[in-house]
Amino acid sequence: MTQYLREGETFSNRILHSFNPLYWPFSSKKIPANSDDILLYSYWHPFFVPALRTHIRSYKRRGGGKVIGLCHNLSPHESFPFQERLIKSLISETNKVILLSSKTEEEFQKMNIPCDYSTLFHPVYEQDESDLTGAELREKYGMEPEEKVILFFGLIREYKGLDILIDALNTIDFEKYNIRPFIVGEFYADKNKILDKIAASTREKYIVIDEFVTNQEVAEVFKVSDLTVLPYRNASQSGILANAINFEVPAIVSGEPGFRDYITHKENGFILENNSSIDLADAINYSLANNNLETWKNK
């Protein structure tokens, strides 16, 4: 069964209410349970463990087969009560976990969880580009054709370092490279506190979209951008970087292991050894100089 939530986008039928246990006895029974079945769950935060564990146990009681967990993250980026106990309780119900980065593998090994695992990588998305031309999209978003658009994309939380980017941009000559900062994503941090850091002299150059964006809009956002910046304070891996790779937008990333798996320094992007605003400003200047973005884009 499928349902159509937006025109042109098909989603699986959604039956699990992750934080209302009154639904779980009913939704768990909708999962077929035969001995030759494989139950695959997707995990990224310990908040969801009670719901996932309840459904896994129901599946096993009814004669289900193997259970495999796809772990986007292991430990959350921000502390959560009883996180290690919750994580271990979920993995204990699992036959094998699939990890998506070397950093997550390191965390898994430190927890000493007796479960088989494989470390793969975050796949690169295969999302179609917008049918509109770059010029049409730049007009739509209020950008000039010759501007260098620096993108910060995704849910905005403290650990993602938007404040570091703004502090870096405050020290850069916007006119030299005709810079246009583009911030796209819902704020899960203090919006005013972060945006108030923007220098008054460059405030009007910023474009900020504080809302959920559709897949179509994601394609548009990356198509108009020249450079993606991910100055994360910590990261296991990133779907944002996967999007940048898919749309061939060069990236500056912090030196987290989850990013080093995908970027070769100064060959297809820039890795910050010190994730400070000073070093990020130097990286942006380097990226915009001497046609480096075009060179990286073709790697």
C-alpha atoms as a PDB file:
ATOM      1  CA  MET A   1       0.000   0.000   0.000  1.00  0.00           C
ATOM      2  CA  THR A   2       1.269   3.481  -0.815  1.00  0.00           C
ATOM      3  CA  GLN A   3       0.060   6.941  -0.071  1.00  0.00           C
ATOM      4  CA  TYR A   4       0.817  10.178  -1.895  1.00  0.00           C
ATOM      5  CA  LEU A   5       1.798  13.011   0.378  1.00  0.00           C
ATOM      6  CA  ARG A   6       3.069  15.408  -2.285  1.00  0.00           C
ATOM      7  CA  GLU A   7       2.500  15.457  -5.998  1.00  0.00           C
ATOM      8  CA  GLY A   8       5.069  13.281  -7.730  1.00  0.00           C
ATOM      9  CA  GLU A   9       6.468  11.725  -4.523  1.00  0.00           C
ATOM     10  CA  THR A  10       5.506   8.230  -3.359  1.00  0.00           C
ATOM     11  CA  PHE A  11       6.016   7.140   0.247  1.00  0.00           C
ATOM     12  CA  SER A  12       5.581   3.843   2.046  1.00  0.00           C
ATOM     13  CA  ASN A  13       2.523   3.572   4.224  1.00  0.00           C
ATOM     14  CA  ARG A  14       3.429   5.019   7.620  1.00  0.00           C
ATOM     15  CA  ILE A  15       2.053   3.019  10.537  1.00  0.00           C
ATOM     16  CA  LEU A  16       4.495   3.617  13.412  1.00  0.00           C
ATOM     17  CA  HIS A  17       3.857   6.454  15.847  1.00  0.00           C
ATOM     18  CA  SER A  18       7.295   6.750  17.428  1.00  0.00           C
ATOM     19  CA  PHE A  19       6.316   8.392  20.734  1.00  0.00           C
ATOM     20  CA  ASN A  20       2.788   7.113  21.446  1.00  0.00           C
ATOM     21  CA  PRO A  21       2.979   3.566  22.889  1.00  0.00           C
ATOM     22  CA  LEU A  22      -0.798   3.161  22.663  1.00  0.00           C
ATOM     23  CA  TYR A  23      -0.361   2.566  18.917  1.00  0.00           C
ATOM     24  CA  TRP A  24       2.477   0.051  19.192  1.00  0.00           C
ATOM     25  CA  PRO A  25       0.442  -3.135  19.871  1.00  0.00           C
ATOM     26  CA  PHE A  26      -1.478  -2.519  16.646  1.00  0.00           C
ATOM     27  CA  SER A  27       1.344  -1.325  14.404  1.00  0.00           C
ATOM     28  CA  SER A  28       3.700  -4.120  15.491  1.00  0.00           C
ATOM     29  CA  LYS A  29       1.220  -6.772  14.354  1.00  0.00           C
ATOM     30  CA  LYS A  30       1.144  -5.296  10.859  1.00  0.00           C
ATOM     31  CA  ILE A  31       4.744  -6.430  10.325  1.00  0.00           C
ATOM     32  CA  PRO A  32       4.792  -9.919   8.728  1.00  0.00           C
ATOM     33  CA  ALA A  33       6.715 -12.426  10.833  1.00  0.00           C
ATOM     34  CA  ASN A  34       8.005 -15.557   9.106  1.00  0.00           C
ATOM     35  CA  SER A  35      11.207 -17.414   9.908  1.00  0.00           C
ATOM     36  CA  ASP A  36      12.696 -16.652   6.482  1.00  0.00           C
ATOM     37  CA  ASP A  37      11.922 -12.906   6.735  1.00  0.00           C
ATOM     38  CA  ILE A  38      14.436 -10.176   7.515  1.00  0.00           C
ATOM     39  CA  LEU A  39      13.327  -7.172   9.546  1.00  0.00           C
ATOM     40  CA  LEU A  40      15.382  -4.092   8.674  1.00  0.00           C
ATOM     41  CA  TYR A  41      15.100  -1.046  10.916  1.00  0.00           C
ATOM     42  CA  SER A  42      16.693   2.367  10.549  1.00  0.00           C
ATOM     43  CA  TYR A  43      18.180   3.958  13.666  1.00  0.00           C
ATOM     44  CA  TRP A  44      19.624   7.403  14.300  1.00  0.00           C
ATOM     45  CA  HIS A  45      18.677   8.474  17.841  1.00  0.00           C
ATOM     46  CA  PRO A  46      18.072   6.710  21.206  1.00  0.00           C
ATOM     47  CA  PHE A  47      14.729   8.498  21.566  1.00  0.00           C
ATOM     48  CA  PHE A  48      13.282   5.975  19.103  1.00  0.00           C
ATOM     49  CA  VAL A  49      14.631   2.879  20.876  1.00  0.00           C
ATOM     50  CA  PRO A  50      11.488   2.033  22.918  1.00  0.00           C
ATOM     51  CA  ALA A  51       9.310   2.022  19.800  1.00  0.00           C
ATOM     52  CA  LEU A  52      11.824   0.054  17.727  1.00  0.00           C
ATOM     53  CA  ARG A  53      12.507  -2.481  20.456  1.00  0.00           C
ATOM     54  CA  THR A  54       8.786  -3.085  21.044  1.00  0.00           C
ATOM     55  CA  HIS A  55       8.221  -3.861  17.366  1.00  0.00           C
ATOM     56  CA  ILE A  56      11.308  -6.071  17.126  1.00  0.00           C
ATOM     57  CA  ARG A  57      10.240  -8.124  20.132  1.00  0.00           C
ATOM     58  CA  SER A  58       6.743  -8.565  18.735  1.00  0.00           C
ATOM     59  CA  TYR A  59       8.250  -9.679  15.421  1.00  0.00           C
ATOM     60  CA  LYS A  60      10.413 -12.262  17.188  1.00  0.00           C
ATOM     61  CA  ARG A  61       7.571 -13.592  19.365  1.00  0.00           C
ATOM     62  CA  ARG A  62       5.519 -14.211  16.253  1.00  0.00           C
ATOM     63  CA  GLY A  63       8.256 -16.289  14.626  1.00  0.00           C
ATOM     64  CA  GLY A  64      10.110 -13.672  12.640  1.00  0.00           C
ATOM     65  CA  GLY A  65      13.598 -14.233  11.239  1.00  0.00           C
ATOM     66  CA  LYS A  66      16.758 -12.133  11.403  1.00  0.00           C
ATOM     67  CA  VAL A  67      16.839  -8.510  12.512  1.00  0.00           C
ATOM     68  CA  ILE A  68      19.253  -6.060  10.884  1.00  0.00           C
ATOM     69  CA  GLY A  69      19.806  -2.478  12.019  1.00  0.00           C
ATOM     70  CA  LEU A  70      20.908   0.320   9.713  1.00  0.00           C
ATOM     71  CA  CYS A  71      22.624   2.801  12.046  1.00  0.00           C
ATOM     72  CA  HIS A  72      22.984   6.309  10.670  1.00  0.00           C
ATOM     73  CA  ASN A  73      24.469   7.406  13.991  1.00  0.00           C
ATOM     74  CA  LEU A  74      25.221   5.408  17.101  1.00  0.00           C
ATOM     75  CA  SER A  75      25.593   8.030  19.830  1.00  0.00           C
ATOM     76  CA  PRO A  76      23.525  11.209  19.368  1.00  0.00           C
ATOM     77  CA  HIS A  77      25.271  14.484  18.572  1.00  0.00           C
ATOM     78  CA  GLU A  78      23.766  16.020  21.713  1.00  0.00           C
ATOM     79  CA  SER A  79      23.543  14.190  25.033  1.00  0.00           C
ATOM     80  CA  PHE A  80      20.389  12.166  25.724  1.00  0.00           C
ATOM     81  CA  PRO A  81      19.352  10.521  29.040  1.00  0.00           C
ATOM     82  CA  PHE A  82      20.415   6.865  29.374  1.00  0.00           C
ATOM     83  CA  GLN A  83      21.668   6.892  25.794  1.00  0.00           C
ATOM     84  CA  GLU A  84      24.210   4.074  26.077  1.00  0.00           C
ATOM     85  CA  ARG A  85      21.797   1.816  27.960  1.00  0.00           C
ATOM     86  CA  LEU A  86      19.114   2.420  25.328  1.00  0.00           C
ATOM     87  CA  ILE A  87      21.495   1.802  22.436  1.00  0.00           C
ATOM     88  CA  LYS A  88      22.775  -1.450  23.924  1.00  0.00           C
ATOM     89  CA  SER A  89      19.233  -2.660  24.616  1.00  0.00           C
ATOM     90  CA  LEU A  90      18.338  -2.155  20.954  1.00  0.00           C
ATOM     91  CA  ILE A  91      21.470  -3.786  19.559  1.00  0.00           C
ATOM     92  CA  SER A  92      20.938  -6.775  21.893  1.00  0.00           C
ATOM     93  CA  GLU A  93      17.771  -7.534  19.898  1.00  0.00           C
ATOM     94  CA  THR A  94      19.666  -7.311  16.607  1.00  0.00           C
ATOM     95  CA  ASN A  95      21.489  -9.999  14.621  1.00  0.00           C
ATOM     96  CA  LYS A  96      23.656  -7.583  12.653  1.00  0.00           C
ATOM     97  CA  VAL A  97      24.144  -3.838  12.362  1.00  0.00           C
ATOM     98  CA  ILE A  98      25.254  -1.839   9.343  1.00  0.00           C
ATOM     99  CA  LEU A  99      27.365   1.229  10.139  1.00  0.00           C
ATOM    100  CA  LEU A 100      27.890   4.129   7.744  1.00  0.00           C
ATOM    101  CA  SER A 101      31.241   5.601   8.743  1.00  0.00           C
ATOM    102  CA  SER A 102      34.572   4.871  10.394  1.00  0.00           C
ATOM    103  CA  LYS A 103      33.632   7.124  13.320  1.00  0.00           C
ATOM    104  CA  THR A 104      30.469   5.139  14.023  1.00  0.00           C
ATOM    105  CA  GLU A 105      32.495   1.931  13.844  1.00  0.00           C
ATOM    106  CA  GLU A 106      34.909   3.333  16.444  1.00  0.00           C
ATOM    107  CA  GLU A 107      32.001   4.227  18.747  1.00  0.00           C
ATOM    108  CA  PHE A 108      30.501   0.765  18.269  1.00  0.00           C
ATOM    109  CA  GLN A 109      33.752  -0.957  19.198  1.00  0.00           C
ATOM    110  CA  LYS A 110      34.170   1.177  22.334  1.00  0.00           C
ATOM    111  CA  MET A 111      30.712   0.142  23.536  1.00  0.00           C
ATOM    112  CA  ASN A 112      31.817  -3.494  23.330  1.00  0.00           C
ATOM    113  CA  ILE A 113      28.431  -4.706  22.082  1.00  0.00           C
ATOM    114  CA  PRO A 114      28.421  -8.433  21.158  1.00  0.00           C
ATOM    115  CA  CYS A 115      26.813  -8.124  17.745  1.00  0.00           C
ATOM    116  CA  ASP A 116      28.000  -8.761  14.199  1.00  0.00           C
ATOM    117  CA  TYR A 117      28.490  -5.607  12.128  1.00  0.00           C
ATOM    118  CA  SER A 118      29.626  -4.301   8.752  1.00  0.00           C
ATOM    119  CA  THR A 119      30.958  -0.811   8.082  1.00  0.00           C
ATOM    120  CA  LEU A 120      29.879   0.574   4.721  1.00  0.00           C
ATOM    121  CA  PHE A 121      29.423   4.257   3.816  1.00  0.00           C
ATOM    122  CA  HIS A 122      26.685   6.826   3.471  1.00  0.00           C
ATOM    123  CA  PRO A 123      25.451   6.375  -0.092  1.00  0.00           C
ATOM    124  CA  VAL A 124      25.435   9.285  -2.510  1.00  0.00           C
ATOM    125  CA  TYR A 125      21.885  10.290  -3.313  1.00  0.00           C
ATOM    126  CA  GLU A 126      20.667   9.922  -6.878  1.00  0.00           C
ATOM    127  CA  GLN A 127      18.201  12.783  -6.919  1.00  0.00           C
ATOM    128  CA  ASP A 128      17.190  14.415 -10.184  1.00  0.00           C
ATOM    129  CA  GLU A 129      18.121  18.016 -10.860  1.00  0.00           C
ATOM    130  CA  SER A 130      15.554  20.750 -11.233  1.00  0.00           C
ATOM    131  CA  ASP A 131      14.119  21.279 -14.715  1.00  0.00           C
ATOM    132  CA  LEU A 132      14.701  25.009 -14.326  1.00  0.00           C
ATOM    133  CA  THR A 133      17.985  26.456 -15.522  1.00  0.00           C
ATOM    134  CA  GLY A 134      20.518  27.867 -13.117  1.00  0.00           C
ATOM    135  CA  ALA A 135      19.673  31.390 -14.290  1.00  0.00           C
ATOM    136  CA  GLU A 136      15.948  30.814 -13.730  1.00  0.00           C
ATOM    137  CA  LEU A 137      16.565  29.444 -10.253  1.00  0.00           C
ATOM    138  CA  ARG A 138      18.850  32.315  -9.294  1.00  0.00           C
ATOM    139  CA  GLU A 139      16.138  34.735 -10.334  1.00  0.00           C
ATOM    140  CA  LYS A 140      13.616  32.761  -8.277  1.00  0.00           C
ATOM    141  CA  TYR A 141      15.772  33.005  -5.141  1.00  0.00           C
ATOM    142  CA  GLY A 142      16.807  36.630  -5.713  1.00  0.00           C
ATOM    143  CA  MET A 143      20.411  35.983  -6.708  1.00  0.00           C
ATOM    144  CA  GLU A 144      22.554  37.534  -9.410  1.00  0.00           C
ATOM    145  CA  PRO A 145      24.127  35.245 -12.053  1.00  0.00           C
ATOM    146  CA  GLU A 146      27.719  36.162 -11.156  1.00  0.00           C
ATOM    147  CA  GLU A 147      27.398  35.825  -7.376  1.00  0.00           C
ATOM    148  CA  LYS A 148      29.273  33.093  -5.518  1.00  0.00           C
ATOM    149  CA  VAL A 149      26.624  31.347  -3.437  1.00  0.00           C
ATOM    150  CA  ILE A 150      27.884  29.780  -0.195  1.00  0.00           C
ATOM    151  CA  LEU A 151      25.384  27.251   1.110  1.00  0.00           C
ATOM    152  CA  PHE A 152      24.688  26.118   4.674  1.00  0.00           C
ATOM    153  CA  PHE A 153      21.964  23.463   4.441  1.00  0.00           C
ATOM    154  CA  GLY A 154      19.967  21.244   6.804  1.00  0.00           C
ATOM    155  CA  LEU A 155      18.417  21.331  10.256  1.00  0.00           C
ATOM    156  CA  ILE A 156      20.225  24.055  12.162  1.00  0.00           C
ATOM    157  CA  ARG A 157      21.470  22.788  15.516  1.00  0.00           C
ATOM    158  CA  GLU A 158      24.302  23.980  17.728  1.00  0.00           C
ATOM    159  CA  TYR A 159      26.737  21.220  16.762  1.00  0.00           C
ATOM    160  CA  LYS A 160      26.517  22.067  13.056  1.00  0.00           C
ATOM    161  CA  GLY A 161      28.460  25.293  13.486  1.00  0.00           C
ATOM    162  CA  LEU A 162      26.458  27.910  11.589  1.00  0.00           C
ATOM    163  CA  ASP A 163      27.832  30.439  14.073  1.00  0.00           C
ATOM    164  CA  ILE A 164      31.359  29.461  13.011  1.00  0.00           C
ATOM    165  CA  LEU A 165      30.473  30.140   9.366  1.00  0.00           C
ATOM    166  CA  ILE A 166      28.946  33.530  10.164  1.00  0.00           C
ATOM    167  CA  ASP A 167      31.980  34.561  12.230  1.00  0.00           C
ATOM    168  CA  ALA A 168      34.210  33.527   9.320  1.00  0.00           C
ATOM    169  CA  LEU A 169      32.161  35.436   6.755  1.00  0.00           C
ATOM    170  CA  ASN A 170      32.310  38.556   8.948  1.00  0.00           C
ATOM    171  CA  THR A 171      36.059  38.722   8.241  1.00  0.00           C
ATOM    172  CA  ILE A 172      35.856  38.179   4.454  1.00  0.00           C
ATOM    173  CA  ASP A 173      35.654  40.830   1.729  1.00  0.00           C
ATOM    174  CA  PHE A 174      32.257  40.117   0.153  1.00  0.00           C
ATOM    175  CA  GLU A 175      32.872  42.428  -2.800  1.00  0.00           C
ATOM    176  CA  LYS A 176      36.117  40.721  -3.807  1.00  0.00           C
ATOM    177  CA  TYR A 177      34.343  37.443  -4.615  1.00  0.00           C
ATOM    178  CA  ASN A 178      30.742  38.756  -4.838  1.00  0.00           C
ATOM    179  CA  ILE A 179      29.614  36.454  -2.026  1.00  0.00           C
ATOM    180  CA  ARG A 180      25.988  35.539  -1.357  1.00  0.00           C
ATOM    181  CA  PRO A 181      25.444  33.410   1.806  1.00  0.00           C
ATOM    182  CA  PHE A 182      22.482  31.022   1.518  1.00  0.00           C
ATOM    183  CA  ILE A 183      21.162  29.463   4.759  1.00  0.00           C
ATOM    184  CA  VAL A 184      18.474  26.837   4.248  1.00  0.00           C
ATOM    185  CA  GLY A 185      16.943  24.751   7.030  1.00  0.00           C
ATOM    186  CA  GLU A 186      14.670  24.782  10.057  1.00  0.00           C
ATOM    187  CA  PHE A 187      16.226  26.290  13.176  1.00  0.00           C
ATOM    188  CA  TYR A 188      16.489  23.897  16.122  1.00  0.00           C
ATOM    189  CA  ALA A 189      18.738  26.402  17.897  1.00  0.00           C
ATOM    190  CA  ASP A 190      18.272  30.017  18.966  1.00  0.00           C
ATOM    191  CA  LYS A 191      17.718  31.678  15.592  1.00  0.00           C
ATOM    192  CA  ASN A 192      18.062  35.274  16.755  1.00  0.00           C
ATOM    193  CA  LYS A 193      21.213  34.545  18.760  1.00  0.00           C
ATOM    194  CA  ILE A 194      22.895  33.034  15.698  1.00  0.00           C
ATOM    195  CA  LEU A 195      21.706  35.500  13.045  1.00  0.00           C
ATOM    196  CA  ASP A 196      22.475  38.499  15.252  1.00  0.00           C
ATOM    197  CA  LYS A 197      26.142  37.598  14.720  1.00  0.00           C
ATOM    198  CA  ILE A 198      25.926  38.710  11.082  1.00  0.00           C
ATOM    199  CA  ALA A 199      27.827  41.944  10.464  1.00  0.00           C
ATOM    200  CA  ALA A 200      25.524  44.854   9.693  1.00  0.00           C
ATOM    201  CA  SER A 201      27.527  45.659   6.552  1.00  0.00           C
ATOM    202  CA  THR A 202      26.704  42.291   4.949  1.00  0.00           C
ATOM    203  CA  ARG A 203      23.309  41.479   6.474  1.00  0.00           C
ATOM    204  CA  GLU A 204      21.371  42.309   3.319  1.00  0.00           C
ATOM    205  CA  LYS A 205      23.447  39.799   1.319  1.00  0.00           C
ATOM    206  CA  TYR A 206      22.180  36.816   3.333  1.00  0.00           C
ATOM    207  CA  ILE A 207      19.264  34.711   2.141  1.00  0.00           C
ATOM    208  CA  VAL A 208      17.711  32.661   4.968  1.00  0.00           C
ATOM    209  CA  ILE A 209      14.997  30.032   4.440  1.00  0.00           C
ATOM    210  CA  ASP A 210      13.854  28.814   7.861  1.00  0.00           C
ATOM    211  CA  GLU A 211      11.472  26.016   6.863  1.00  0.00           C
ATOM    212  CA  PHE A 212      11.194  22.447   5.644  1.00  0.00           C
ATOM    213  CA  VAL A 213      12.134  22.079   1.977  1.00  0.00           C
ATOM    214  CA  THR A 214      10.819  19.459  -0.427  1.00  0.00           C
ATOM    215  CA  ASN A 215      13.004  17.167  -2.528  1.00  0.00           C
ATOM    216  CA  GLN A 216      12.356  19.411  -5.498  1.00  0.00           C
ATOM    217  CA  GLU A 217      13.502  22.437  -3.520  1.00  0.00           C
ATOM    218  CA  VAL A 218      16.609  20.566  -2.316  1.00  0.00           C
ATOM    219  CA  ALA A 219      17.583  20.091  -5.965  1.00  0.00           C
ATOM    220  CA  GLU A 220      17.016  23.782  -6.632  1.00  0.00           C
ATOM    221  CA  VAL A 221      19.034  24.891  -3.604  1.00  0.00           C
ATOM    222  CA  PHE A 222      22.080  22.850  -4.584  1.00  0.00           C
ATOM    223  CA  LYS A 223      21.823  23.802  -8.253  1.00  0.00           C
ATOM    224  CA  VAL A 224      22.158  27.518  -7.445  1.00  0.00           C
ATOM    225  CA  SER A 225      25.038  26.992  -4.976  1.00  0.00           C
ATOM    226  CA  ASP A 226      28.752  27.198  -5.693  1.00  0.00           C
ATOM    227  CA  LEU A 227      30.110  25.948  -2.367  1.00  0.00           C
ATOM    228  CA  THR A 228      28.707  23.971   0.568  1.00  0.00           C
ATOM    229  CA  VAL A 229      30.131  24.576   4.042  1.00  0.00           C
ATOM    230  CA  LEU A 230      29.832  22.028   6.885  1.00  0.00           C
ATOM    231  CA  PRO A 231      31.804  23.294   9.918  1.00  0.00           C
ATOM    232  CA  TYR A 232      30.293  20.635  12.217  1.00  0.00           C
ATOM    233  CA  ARG A 233      31.647  20.356  15.737  1.00  0.00           C
ATOM    234  CA  ASN A 234      31.042  16.617  15.538  1.00  0.00           C
ATOM    235  CA  ALA A 235      29.762  14.308  12.822  1.00  0.00           C
ATOM    236  CA  SER A 236      29.456  10.609  12.097  1.00  0.00           C
ATOM    237  CA  GLN A 237      28.561  11.127   8.442  1.00  0.00           C
ATOM    238  CA  SER A 238      26.274  13.496   6.599  1.00  0.00           C
ATOM    239  CA  GLY A 239      23.385  13.298   4.184  1.00  0.00           C
ATOM    240  CA  ILE A 240      24.084  16.961   3.398  1.00  0.00           C
ATOM    241  CA  LEU A 241      27.513  16.036   2.068  1.00  0.00           C
ATOM    242  CA  ALA A 242      25.920  13.187   0.100  1.00  0.00           C
ATOM    243  CA  ASN A 243      23.625  15.740  -1.521  1.00  0.00           C
ATOM    244  CA  ALA A 244      26.545  18.032  -2.304  1.00  0.00           C
ATOM    245  CA  ILE A 245      28.414  15.168  -3.964  1.00  0.00           C
ATOM    246  CA  ASN A 246      25.344  14.190  -5.984  1.00  0.00           C
ATOM    247  CA  PHE A 247      24.843  17.734  -7.271  1.00  0.00           C
ATOM    248  CA  GLU A 248      28.598  18.256  -7.769  1.00  0.00           C
ATOM    249  CA  VAL A 249      28.835  21.159  -5.328  1.00  0.00           C
ATOM    250  CA  PRO A 250      32.316  21.360  -3.723  1.00  0.00           C
ATOM    251  CA  ALA A 251      32.412  21.331   0.071  1.00  0.00           C
ATOM    252  CA  ILE A 252      34.428  22.672   2.971  1.00  0.00           C
ATOM    253  CA  VAL A 253      34.122  20.300   5.917  1.00  0.00           C
ATOM    254  CA  SER A 254      35.464  20.008   9.452  1.00  0.00           C
ATOM    255  CA  GLY A 255      38.091  17.344  10.070  1.00  0.00           C
ATOM    256  CA  GLU A 256      35.667  14.802  11.557  1.00  0.00           C
ATOM    257  CA  PRO A 257      36.365  11.173  10.515  1.00  0.00           C
ATOM    258  CA  GLY A 258      32.889  10.910   9.014  1.00  0.00           C
ATOM    259  CA  PHE A 259      33.820  13.657   6.544  1.00  0.00           C
ATOM    260  CA  ARG A 260      37.365  12.512   5.813  1.00  0.00           C
ATOM    261  CA  ASP A 261      35.893   9.318   4.359  1.00  0.00           C
ATOM    262  CA  TYR A 262      34.512  11.359   1.435  1.00  0.00           C
ATOM    263  CA  ILE A 263      36.744  14.395   0.892  1.00  0.00           C
ATOM    264  CA  THR A 264      40.347  14.451  -0.308  1.00  0.00           C
ATOM    265  CA  HIS A 265      41.892  17.707   0.868  1.00  0.00           C
ATOM    266  CA  LYS A 266      42.327  20.283  -1.899  1.00  0.00           C
ATOM    267  CA  GLU A 267      41.440  17.701  -4.564  1.00  0.00           C
ATOM    268  CA  ASN A 268      37.652  17.575  -4.381  1.00  0.00           C
ATOM    269  CA  GLY A 269      37.092  19.865  -1.392  1.00  0.00           C
ATOM    270  CA  PHE A 270      38.725  21.350   1.689  1.00  0.00           C
ATOM    271  CA  ILE A 271      39.168  19.740   5.128  1.00  0.00           C
ATOM    272  CA  LEU A 272      39.549  22.049   8.124  1.00  0.00           C
ATOM    273  CA  GLU A 273      42.278  20.840  10.459  1.00  0.00           C
ATOM    274  CA  ASN A 274      41.133  23.374  13.064  1.00  0.00           C
ATOM    275  CA  ASN A 275      37.424  24.052  13.026  1.00  0.00           C
ATOM    276  CA  SER A 276      37.691  27.750  13.885  1.00  0.00           C
ATOM    277  CA  SER A 277      36.237  30.802  12.175  1.00  0.00           C
ATOM    278  CA  ILE A 278      39.748  31.998  11.283  1.00  0.00           C
ATOM    279  CA  ASP A 279      40.633  28.744   9.534  1.00  0.00           C
ATOM    280  CA  LEU A 280      37.230  28.591   7.862  1.00  0.00           C
ATOM    281  CA  ALA A 281      37.679  32.112   6.508  1.00  0.00           C
ATOM    282  CA  ASP A 282      41.048  31.089   5.064  1.00  0.00           C
ATOM    283  CA  ALA A 283      39.436  28.004   3.518  1.00  0.00           C
ATOM    284  CA  ILE A 284      36.652  30.039   1.905  1.00  0.00           C
ATOM    285  CA  ASN A 285      39.159  32.520   0.490  1.00  0.00           C
ATOM    286  CA  TYR A 286      41.260  29.647  -0.850  1.00  0.00           C
ATOM    287  CA  SER A 287      38.215  27.930  -2.352  1.00  0.00           C
ATOM    288  CA  LEU A 288      37.012  31.032  -4.189  1.00  0.00           C
ATOM    289  CA  ALA A 289      40.450  31.932  -5.514  1.00  0.00           C
ATOM    290  CA  ASN A 290      42.218  30.678  -8.634  1.00  0.00           C
ATOM    291  CA  ASN A 291      39.236  28.782 -10.021  1.00  0.00           C
ATOM    292  CA  ASN A 292      39.522  26.112  -7.316  1.00  0.00           C
ATOM    293  CA  LEU A 293      35.767  25.444  -7.220  1.00  0.00           C
ATOM    294  CA  GLU A 294      35.670  24.499 -10.888  1.00  0.00           C
ATOM    295  CA  THR A 295      38.691  22.243 -10.445  1.00  0.00           C
ATOM    296  CA  TRP A 296      37.105  20.450  -7.461  1.00  0.00           C
ATOM    297  CA  LYS A 297      33.739  20.173  -9.197  1.00  0.00           C
ATOM    298  CA  ASN A 298      35.306  18.182 -12.025  1.00  0.00           C
ATOM    299  CA  LYS A 299      37.042  15.660  -9.745  1.00  0.00           C
END
